[in-house]
């Protein structure tokens, strides 16, 4: 699999994982009891951006590696995945 494809897959997976990881451990300003004037009460009190980015990068790297193994080494293609999803045997 070309390196450009791996980078593109990693980029897409990273953004998908980011939106899945953001809510974990998030507490709103309302839950903390300190709503800053001019902000929504549902705004995050402490977003932990660095922690979220690190977790997202690790999970995205693992998922990208599994995709690389599946497509690059085992020869699974899009057709095989579509057949599997439709319940047909290869």
PDB file of N, CA and C in Angstrom:
ATOM      1  N   UNK A   1       0.854  -1.172   0.000  1.00  0.00           N
ATOM      2  CA  UNK A   1       0.000   0.000   0.000  1.00  0.00           C
ATOM      3  C   UNK A   1       0.901   1.237   0.000  1.00  0.00           C
ATOM      4  N   UNK A   2       0.670   2.176  -0.907  1.00  0.00           N
ATOM      5  CA  UNK A   2       1.511   3.374  -0.986  1.00  0.00           C
ATOM      6  C   UNK A   2       1.408   4.234   0.279  1.00  0.00           C
ATOM      7  N   UNK A   3       2.500   4.910   0.593  1.00  0.00           N
ATOM      8  CA  UNK A   3       2.558   5.723   1.806  1.00  0.00           C
ATOM      9  C   UNK A   3       1.521   6.847   1.781  1.00  0.00           C
ATOM     10  N   UNK A   4       1.245   7.395   0.607  1.00  0.00           N
ATOM     11  CA  UNK A   4       0.229   8.441   0.497  1.00  0.00           C
ATOM     12  C   UNK A   4      -1.154   7.941   0.913  1.00  0.00           C
ATOM     13  N   UNK A   5      -1.461   6.704   0.561  1.00  0.00           N
ATOM     14  CA  UNK A   5      -2.742   6.111   0.947  1.00  0.00           C
ATOM     15  C   UNK A   5      -2.810   5.910   2.455  1.00  0.00           C
ATOM     16  N   UNK A   6      -1.716   5.469   3.025  1.00  0.00           N
ATOM     17  CA  UNK A   6      -1.677   5.246   4.478  1.00  0.00           C
ATOM     18  C   UNK A   6      -1.871   6.571   5.219  1.00  0.00           C
ATOM     19  N   UNK A   7      -1.218   7.623   4.745  1.00  0.00           N
ATOM     20  CA  UNK A   7      -1.366   8.940   5.376  1.00  0.00           C
ATOM     21  C   UNK A   7      -2.799   9.441   5.248  1.00  0.00           C
ATOM     22  N   UNK A   8      -3.400   9.265   4.074  1.00  0.00           N
ATOM     23  CA  UNK A   8      -4.786   9.702   3.870  1.00  0.00           C
ATOM     24  C   UNK A   8      -5.744   8.928   4.781  1.00  0.00           C
ATOM     25  N   UNK A   9      -5.533   7.623   4.892  1.00  0.00           N
ATOM     26  CA  UNK A   9      -6.376   6.801   5.771  1.00  0.00           C
ATOM     27  C   UNK A   9      -6.210   7.239   7.224  1.00  0.00           C
ATOM     28  N   UNK A  10      -4.963   7.481   7.634  1.00  0.00           N
ATOM     29  CA  UNK A  10      -4.705   7.929   8.999  1.00  0.00           C
ATOM     30  C   UNK A  10      -5.424   9.253   9.268  1.00  0.00           C
ATOM     31  N   UNK A  11      -5.364  10.178   8.317  1.00  0.00           N
ATOM     32  CA  UNK A  11      -6.007  11.483   8.479  1.00  0.00           C
ATOM     33  C   UNK A  11      -7.517  11.346   8.669  1.00  0.00           C
ATOM     34  N   UNK A  12      -8.146  10.529   7.847  1.00  0.00           N
ATOM     35  CA  UNK A  12      -9.596  10.332   7.951  1.00  0.00           C
ATOM     36  C   UNK A  12      -9.950   9.630   9.261  1.00  0.00           C
ATOM     37  N   UNK A  13      -9.200   8.582   9.602  1.00  0.00           N
ATOM     38  CA  UNK A  13      -9.461   7.841  10.838  1.00  0.00           C
ATOM     39  C   UNK A  13      -9.245   8.750  12.047  1.00  0.00           C
ATOM     40  N   UNK A  14      -8.222   9.606  12.006  1.00  0.00           N
ATOM     41  CA  UNK A  14      -7.931  10.500  13.128  1.00  0.00           C
ATOM     42  C   UNK A  14      -9.125  11.404  13.419  1.00  0.00           C
ATOM     43  N   UNK A  15      -9.720  11.989  12.376  1.00  0.00           N
ATOM     44  CA  UNK A  15     -10.858  12.887  12.592  1.00  0.00           C
ATOM     45  C   UNK A  15     -12.080  12.138  13.089  1.00  0.00           C
ATOM     46  N   UNK A  16     -12.302  10.934  12.590  1.00  0.00           N
ATOM     47  CA  UNK A  16     -13.447  10.147  13.065  1.00  0.00           C
ATOM     48  C   UNK A  16     -13.268   9.799  14.539  1.00  0.00           C
ATOM     49  N   UNK A  17     -12.073   9.361  14.896  1.00  0.00           N
ATOM     50  CA  UNK A  17     -11.786   8.992  16.293  1.00  0.00           C
ATOM     51  C   UNK A  17     -11.857  10.227  17.194  1.00  0.00           C
ATOM     52  N   UNK A  18     -11.403  11.380  16.702  1.00  0.00           N
ATOM     53  CA  UNK A  18     -11.453  12.603  17.509  1.00  0.00           C
ATOM     54  C   UNK A  18     -12.869  12.886  17.985  1.00  0.00           C
ATOM     55  N   UNK A  19     -13.838  12.809  17.069  1.00  0.00           N
ATOM     56  CA  UNK A  19     -15.212  13.100  17.461  1.00  0.00           C
ATOM     57  C   UNK A  19     -15.810  12.013  18.342  1.00  0.00           C
ATOM     58  N   UNK A  20     -15.218  10.836  18.346  1.00  0.00           N
ATOM     59  CA  UNK A  20     -15.671   9.783  19.255  1.00  0.00           C
ATOM     60  C   UNK A  20     -15.043   9.949  20.642  1.00  0.00           C
ATOM     61  N   UNK A  21     -13.842  10.513  20.716  1.00  0.00           N
ATOM     62  CA  UNK A  21     -13.104  10.622  21.977  1.00  0.00           C
ATOM     63  C   UNK A  21     -13.451  11.899  22.741  1.00  0.00           C
ATOM     64  N   UNK A  22     -13.817  12.958  22.051  1.00  0.00           N
ATOM     65  CA  UNK A  22     -14.060  14.255  22.702  1.00  0.00           C
ATOM     66  C   UNK A  22     -14.984  14.173  23.916  1.00  0.00           C
ATOM     67  N   UNK A  23     -16.110  13.485  23.862  1.00  0.00           N
ATOM     68  CA  UNK A  23     -17.028  13.527  25.009  1.00  0.00           C
ATOM     69  C   UNK A  23     -16.541  12.806  26.272  1.00  0.00           C
ATOM     70  N   UNK A  24     -15.592  11.888  26.168  1.00  0.00           N
ATOM     71  CA  UNK A  24     -15.161  11.124  27.334  1.00  0.00           C
ATOM     72  C   UNK A  24     -14.486  12.009  28.361  1.00  0.00           C
ATOM     73  N   UNK A  25     -15.018  12.004  29.571  1.00  0.00           N
ATOM     74  CA  UNK A  25     -14.437  12.761  30.676  1.00  0.00           C
ATOM     75  C   UNK A  25     -14.722  14.249  30.629  1.00  0.00           C
ATOM     76  N   UNK A  26     -15.558  14.680  29.715  1.00  0.00           N
ATOM     77  CA  UNK A  26     -15.849  16.101  29.579  1.00  0.00           C
ATOM     78  C   UNK A  26     -16.891  16.522  30.617  1.00  0.00           C
ATOM     79  N   UNK A  27     -16.583  17.608  31.317  1.00  0.00           N
ATOM     80  CA  UNK A  27     -17.523  18.172  32.279  1.00  0.00           C
ATOM     81  C   UNK A  27     -17.836  19.589  31.831  1.00  0.00           C
ATOM     82  N   UNK A  28     -19.111  19.944  31.893  1.00  0.00           N
ATOM     83  CA  UNK A  28     -19.531  21.278  31.462  1.00  0.00           C
ATOM     84  C   UNK A  28     -19.291  22.299  32.569  1.00  0.00           C
ATOM     85  N   UNK A  29     -19.356  23.572  32.168  1.00  0.00           N
ATOM     86  CA  UNK A  29     -19.212  24.639  33.156  1.00  0.00           C
ATOM     87  C   UNK A  29     -20.343  24.589  34.174  1.00  0.00           C
ATOM     88  N   UNK A  30     -21.514  24.185  33.708  1.00  0.00           N
ATOM     89  CA  UNK A  30     -22.660  24.084  34.618  1.00  0.00           C
ATOM     90  C   UNK A  30     -22.417  22.993  35.663  1.00  0.00           C
ATOM     91  N   UNK A  31     -21.871  21.860  35.250  1.00  0.00           N
ATOM     92  CA  UNK A  31     -21.573  20.775  36.197  1.00  0.00           C
ATOM     93  C   UNK A  31     -20.502  21.187  37.203  1.00  0.00           C
ATOM     94  N   UNK A  32     -19.565  22.022  36.752  1.00  0.00           N
ATOM     95  CA  UNK A  32     -18.500  22.501  37.646  1.00  0.00           C
ATOM     96  C   UNK A  32     -18.978  23.642  38.550  1.00  0.00           C
ATOM     97  N   UNK A  33     -20.095  24.264  38.192  1.00  0.00           N
ATOM     98  CA  UNK A  33     -20.640  25.342  39.007  1.00  0.00           C
ATOM     99  C   UNK A  33     -20.026  26.700  38.739  1.00  0.00           C
ATOM    100  N   UNK A  34     -19.255  26.837  37.674  1.00  0.00           N
ATOM    101  CA  UNK A  34     -18.620  28.112  37.344  1.00  0.00           C
ATOM    102  C   UNK A  34     -18.850  28.439  35.878  1.00  0.00           C
ATOM    103  N   UNK A  35     -19.973  29.088  35.581  1.00  0.00           N
ATOM    104  CA  UNK A  35     -20.267  29.484  34.211  1.00  0.00           C
ATOM    105  C   UNK A  35     -19.655  30.858  33.971  1.00  0.00           C
ATOM    106  N   UNK A  36     -18.770  30.943  32.992  1.00  0.00           N
ATOM    107  CA  UNK A  36     -18.112  32.203  32.663  1.00  0.00           C
ATOM    108  C   UNK A  36     -19.090  33.082  31.893  1.00  0.00           C
ATOM    109  N   UNK A  37     -19.150  34.345  32.277  1.00  0.00           N
ATOM    110  CA  UNK A  37     -20.068  35.287  31.652  1.00  0.00           C
ATOM    111  C   UNK A  37     -19.803  35.359  30.148  1.00  0.00           C
ATOM    112  N   UNK A  38     -20.869  35.227  29.364  1.00  0.00           N
ATOM    113  CA  UNK A  38     -20.755  35.307  27.913  1.00  0.00           C
ATOM    114  C   UNK A  38     -20.567  33.960  27.238  1.00  0.00           C
ATOM    115  N   UNK A  39     -20.525  32.876  28.008  1.00  0.00           N
ATOM    116  CA  UNK A  39     -20.400  31.533  27.429  1.00  0.00           C
ATOM    117  C   UNK A  39     -21.636  30.718  27.756  1.00  0.00           C
ATOM    118  N   UNK A  40     -21.804  29.649  27.015  1.00  0.00           N
ATOM    119  CA  UNK A  40     -22.922  28.743  27.249  1.00  0.00           C
ATOM    120  C   UNK A  40     -22.629  27.889  28.478  1.00  0.00           C
ATOM    121  N   UNK A  41     -23.662  27.555  29.216  1.00  0.00           N
ATOM    122  CA  UNK A  41     -23.477  26.710  30.401  1.00  0.00           C
ATOM    123  C   UNK A  41     -23.015  25.314  30.016  1.00  0.00           C
ATOM    124  N   UNK A  42     -23.268  24.916  28.761  1.00  0.00           N
ATOM    125  CA  UNK A  42     -22.865  23.582  28.320  1.00  0.00           C
ATOM    126  C   UNK A  42     -21.450  23.553  27.736  1.00  0.00           C
ATOM    127  N   UNK A  43     -20.762  24.690  27.766  1.00  0.00           N
ATOM    128  CA  UNK A  43     -19.381  24.729  27.279  1.00  0.00           C
ATOM    129  C   UNK A  43     -18.486  23.928  28.221  1.00  0.00           C
ATOM    130  N   UNK A  44     -17.445  23.285  27.683  1.00  0.00           N
ATOM    131  CA  UNK A  44     -16.569  22.492  28.551  1.00  0.00           C
ATOM    132  C   UNK A  44     -15.819  23.368  29.557  1.00  0.00           C
ATOM    133  N   UNK A  45     -15.705  22.859  30.774  1.00  0.00           N
ATOM    134  CA  UNK A  45     -14.985  23.596  31.812  1.00  0.00           C
ATOM    135  C   UNK A  45     -13.479  23.487  31.586  1.00  0.00           C
ATOM    136  N   UNK A  46     -13.009  22.306  31.257  1.00  0.00           N
ATOM    137  CA  UNK A  46     -11.593  22.080  30.984  1.00  0.00           C
ATOM    138  C   UNK A  46     -11.519  21.048  29.863  1.00  0.00           C
ATOM    139  N   UNK A  47     -11.286  21.470  28.619  1.00  0.00           N
ATOM    140  CA  UNK A  47     -11.417  20.548  27.490  1.00  0.00           C
ATOM    141  C   UNK A  47     -10.321  19.484  27.355  1.00  0.00           C
ATOM    142  N   UNK A  48      -9.198  19.611  28.042  1.00  0.00           N
ATOM    143  CA  UNK A  48      -8.116  18.625  27.967  1.00  0.00           C
ATOM    144  C   UNK A  48      -7.729  18.347  26.508  1.00  0.00           C
ATOM    145  N   UNK A  49      -7.414  19.392  25.774  1.00  0.00           N
ATOM    146  CA  UNK A  49      -7.147  19.273  24.344  1.00  0.00           C
ATOM    147  C   UNK A  49      -5.933  18.399  24.068  1.00  0.00           C
ATOM    148  N   UNK A  50      -4.852  18.574  24.794  1.00  0.00           N
ATOM    149  CA  UNK A  50      -3.637  17.791  24.561  1.00  0.00           C
ATOM    150  C   UNK A  50      -3.883  16.309  24.834  1.00  0.00           C
ATOM    151  N   UNK A  51      -4.546  16.005  25.951  1.00  0.00           N
ATOM    152  CA  UNK A  51      -4.857  14.610  26.278  1.00  0.00           C
ATOM    153  C   UNK A  51      -5.733  13.985  25.199  1.00  0.00           C
ATOM    154  N   UNK A  52      -6.731  14.716  24.744  1.00  0.00           N
ATOM    155  CA  UNK A  52      -7.625  14.217  23.701  1.00  0.00           C
ATOM    156  C   UNK A  52      -6.863  13.970  22.407  1.00  0.00           C
ATOM    157  N   UNK A  53      -5.970  14.866  22.037  1.00  0.00           N
ATOM    158  CA  UNK A  53      -5.180  14.705  20.813  1.00  0.00           C
ATOM    159  C   UNK A  53      -4.251  13.502  20.896  1.00  0.00           C
ATOM    160  N   UNK A  54      -3.654  13.281  22.061  1.00  0.00           N
ATOM    161  CA  UNK A  54      -2.748  12.134  22.227  1.00  0.00           C
ATOM    162  C   UNK A  54      -3.523  10.822  22.152  1.00  0.00           C
ATOM    163  N   UNK A  55      -4.637  10.732  22.846  1.00  0.00           N
ATOM    164  CA  UNK A  55      -5.459   9.515  22.805  1.00  0.00           C
ATOM    165  C   UNK A  55      -5.956   9.266  21.392  1.00  0.00           C
ATOM    166  N   UNK A  56      -6.410  10.321  20.715  1.00  0.00           N
ATOM    167  CA  UNK A  56      -6.899  10.201  19.346  1.00  0.00           C
ATOM    168  C   UNK A  56      -5.799   9.700  18.420  1.00  0.00           C
ATOM    169  N   UNK A  57      -4.599  10.220  18.554  1.00  0.00           N
ATOM    170  CA  UNK A  57      -3.484   9.808  17.704  1.00  0.00           C
ATOM    171  C   UNK A  57      -3.132   8.346  17.928  1.00  0.00           C
ATOM    172  N   UNK A  58      -3.111   7.904  19.168  1.00  0.00           N
ATOM    173  CA  UNK A  58      -2.783   6.504  19.462  1.00  0.00           C
ATOM    174  C   UNK A  58      -3.837   5.567  18.885  1.00  0.00           C
ATOM    175  N   UNK A  59      -5.116   5.876  19.128  1.00  0.00           N
ATOM    176  CA  UNK A  59      -6.197   5.017  18.619  1.00  0.00           C
ATOM    177  C   UNK A  59      -6.200   5.018  17.094  1.00  0.00           C
ATOM    178  N   UNK A  60      -6.021   6.178  16.471  1.00  0.00           N
ATOM    179  CA  UNK A  60      -6.010   6.268  15.012  1.00  0.00           C
ATOM    180  C   UNK A  60      -4.827   5.500  14.428  1.00  0.00           C
ATOM    181  N   UNK A  61      -3.678   5.530  15.092  1.00  0.00           N
ATOM    182  CA  UNK A  61      -2.515   4.781  14.614  1.00  0.00           C
ATOM    183  C   UNK A  61      -2.779   3.277  14.659  1.00  0.00           C
ATOM    184  N   UNK A  62      -3.409   2.800  15.720  1.00  0.00           N
ATOM    185  CA  UNK A  62      -3.730   1.373  15.836  1.00  0.00           C
ATOM    186  C   UNK A  62      -4.727   0.956  14.759  1.00  0.00           C
ATOM    187  N   UNK A  63      -5.773   1.759  14.569  1.00  0.00           N
ATOM    188  CA  UNK A  63      -6.783   1.434  13.549  1.00  0.00           C
ATOM    189  C   UNK A  63      -6.162   1.467  12.153  1.00  0.00           C
ATOM    190  N   UNK A  64      -5.332   2.461  11.876  1.00  0.00           N
ATOM    191  CA  UNK A  64      -4.664   2.545  10.577  1.00  0.00           C
ATOM    192  C   UNK A  64      -3.735   1.349  10.369  1.00  0.00           C
ATOM    193  N   UNK A  65      -3.039   0.928  11.402  1.00  0.00           N
ATOM    194  CA  UNK A  65      -2.169  -0.240  11.300  1.00  0.00           C
ATOM    195  C   UNK A  65      -2.985  -1.492  10.983  1.00  0.00           C
ATOM    196  N   UNK A  66      -4.127  -1.650  11.640  1.00  0.00           N
ATOM    197  CA  UNK A  66      -4.986  -2.810  11.367  1.00  0.00           C
ATOM    198  C   UNK A  66      -5.517  -2.782   9.935  1.00  0.00           C
ATOM    199  N   UNK A  67      -5.870  -1.611   9.442  1.00  0.00           N
ATOM    200  CA  UNK A  67      -6.318  -1.480   8.054  1.00  0.00           C
ATOM    201  C   UNK A  67      -5.179  -1.839   7.106  1.00  0.00           C
ATOM    202  N   UNK A  68      -3.978  -1.364   7.399  1.00  0.00           N
ATOM    203  CA  UNK A  68      -2.800  -1.662   6.570  1.00  0.00           C
ATOM    204  C   UNK A  68      -2.531  -3.165   6.542  1.00  0.00           C
ATOM    205  N   UNK A  69      -2.622  -3.817   7.686  1.00  0.00           N
ATOM    206  CA  UNK A  69      -2.429  -5.270   7.747  1.00  0.00           C
ATOM    207  C   UNK A  69      -3.499  -5.989   6.936  1.00  0.00           C
ATOM    208  N   UNK A  70      -4.746  -5.590   7.115  1.00  0.00           N
ATOM    209  CA  UNK A  70      -5.862  -6.237   6.435  1.00  0.00           C
ATOM    210  C   UNK A  70      -5.747  -6.107   4.919  1.00  0.00           C
ATOM    211  N   UNK A  71      -5.491  -4.904   4.431  1.00  0.00           N
ATOM    212  CA  UNK A  71      -5.429  -4.684   2.992  1.00  0.00           C
ATOM    213  C   UNK A  71      -4.071  -5.039   2.397  1.00  0.00           C
ATOM    214  N   UNK A  72      -2.993  -4.676   3.088  1.00  0.00           N
ATOM    215  CA  UNK A  72      -1.650  -4.860   2.536  1.00  0.00           C
ATOM    216  C   UNK A  72      -1.112  -6.266   2.623  1.00  0.00           C
ATOM    217  N   UNK A  73      -1.338  -6.948   3.726  1.00  0.00           N
ATOM    218  CA  UNK A  73      -0.735  -8.261   3.929  1.00  0.00           C
ATOM    219  C   UNK A  73      -1.682  -9.421   3.692  1.00  0.00           C
ATOM    220  N   UNK A  74      -2.946  -9.236   3.995  1.00  0.00           N
ATOM    221  CA  UNK A  74      -3.898 -10.331   3.805  1.00  0.00           C
ATOM    222  C   UNK A  74      -4.642 -10.242   2.474  1.00  0.00           C
ATOM    223  N   UNK A  75      -4.438  -9.176   1.736  1.00  0.00           N
ATOM    224  CA  UNK A  75      -5.011  -9.052   0.415  1.00  0.00           C
ATOM    225  C   UNK A  75      -6.514  -8.856   0.375  1.00  0.00           C
ATOM    226  N   UNK A  76      -7.089  -8.447   1.477  1.00  0.00           N
ATOM    227  CA  UNK A  76      -8.526  -8.191   1.500  1.00  0.00           C
ATOM    228  C   UNK A  76      -8.774  -6.902   0.717  1.00  0.00           C
ATOM    229  N   UNK A  77      -9.776  -6.919  -0.122  1.00  0.00           N
ATOM    230  CA  UNK A  77     -10.107  -5.753  -0.915  1.00  0.00           C
ATOM    231  C   UNK A  77     -11.507  -5.266  -0.612  1.00  0.00           C
ATOM    232  N   UNK A  78     -11.870  -4.199  -1.263  1.00  0.00           N
ATOM    233  CA  UNK A  78     -13.182  -3.609  -1.051  1.00  0.00           C
ATOM    234  C   UNK A  78     -14.278  -4.588  -1.479  1.00  0.00           C
ATOM    235  N   UNK A  79     -14.041  -5.348  -2.553  1.00  0.00           N
ATOM    236  CA  UNK A  79     -15.035  -6.314  -3.022  1.00  0.00           C
ATOM    237  C   UNK A  79     -15.299  -7.391  -1.968  1.00  0.00           C
ATOM    238  N   UNK A  80     -14.266  -7.887  -1.333  1.00  0.00           N
ATOM    239  CA  UNK A  80     -14.444  -8.900  -0.290  1.00  0.00           C
ATOM    240  C   UNK A  80     -15.228  -8.355   0.901  1.00  0.00           C
ATOM    241  N   UNK A  81     -14.967  -7.114   1.250  1.00  0.00           N
ATOM    242  CA  UNK A  81     -15.693  -6.505   2.363  1.00  0.00           C
ATOM    243  C   UNK A  81     -17.162  -6.313   1.995  1.00  0.00           C
ATOM    244  N   UNK A  82     -17.433  -5.864   0.765  1.00  0.00           N
ATOM    245  CA  UNK A  82     -18.816  -5.683   0.313  1.00  0.00           C
ATOM    246  C   UNK A  82     -19.542  -7.027   0.287  1.00  0.00           C
ATOM    247  N   UNK A  83     -18.869  -8.075  -0.184  1.00  0.00           N
ATOM    248  CA  UNK A  83     -19.484  -9.404  -0.190  1.00  0.00           C
ATOM    249  C   UNK A  83     -19.784  -9.872   1.224  1.00  0.00           C
ATOM    250  N   UNK A  84     -18.864  -9.634   2.141  1.00  0.00           N
ATOM    251  CA  UNK A  84     -19.053 -10.035   3.527  1.00  0.00           C
ATOM    252  C   UNK A  84     -20.232  -9.289   4.153  1.00  0.00           C
ATOM    253  N   UNK A  85     -20.349  -8.004   3.874  1.00  0.00           N
ATOM    254  CA  UNK A  85     -21.447  -7.211   4.421  1.00  0.00           C
ATOM    255  C   UNK A  85     -22.803  -7.632   3.858  1.00  0.00           C
ATOM    256  N   UNK A  86     -22.810  -8.128   2.619  1.00  0.00           N
ATOM    257  CA  UNK A  86     -24.054  -8.584   2.007  1.00  0.00           C
ATOM    258  C   UNK A  86     -24.365 -10.038   2.357  1.00  0.00           C
ATOM    259  N   UNK A  87     -23.479 -10.689   3.063  1.00  0.00           N
ATOM    260  CA  UNK A  87     -23.725 -12.054   3.504  1.00  0.00           C
ATOM    261  C   UNK A  87     -23.338 -13.114   2.499  1.00  0.00           C
ATOM    262  N   UNK A  88     -22.633 -12.734   1.442  1.00  0.00           N
ATOM    263  CA  UNK A  88     -22.187 -13.710   0.448  1.00  0.00           C
ATOM    264  C   UNK A  88     -20.812 -14.228   0.811  1.00  0.00           C
ATOM    265  N   UNK A  89     -20.571 -15.475   0.515  1.00  0.00           N
ATOM    266  CA  UNK A  89     -19.234 -16.029   0.758  1.00  0.00           C
ATOM    267  C   UNK A  89     -18.355 -15.724  -0.445  1.00  0.00           C
ATOM    268  N   UNK A  90     -17.059 -15.502  -0.225  1.00  0.00           N
ATOM    269  CA  UNK A  90     -16.154 -15.135  -1.322  1.00  0.00           C
ATOM    270  C   UNK A  90     -15.982 -16.229  -2.350  1.00  0.00           C
TER     271      UNK A  90
END
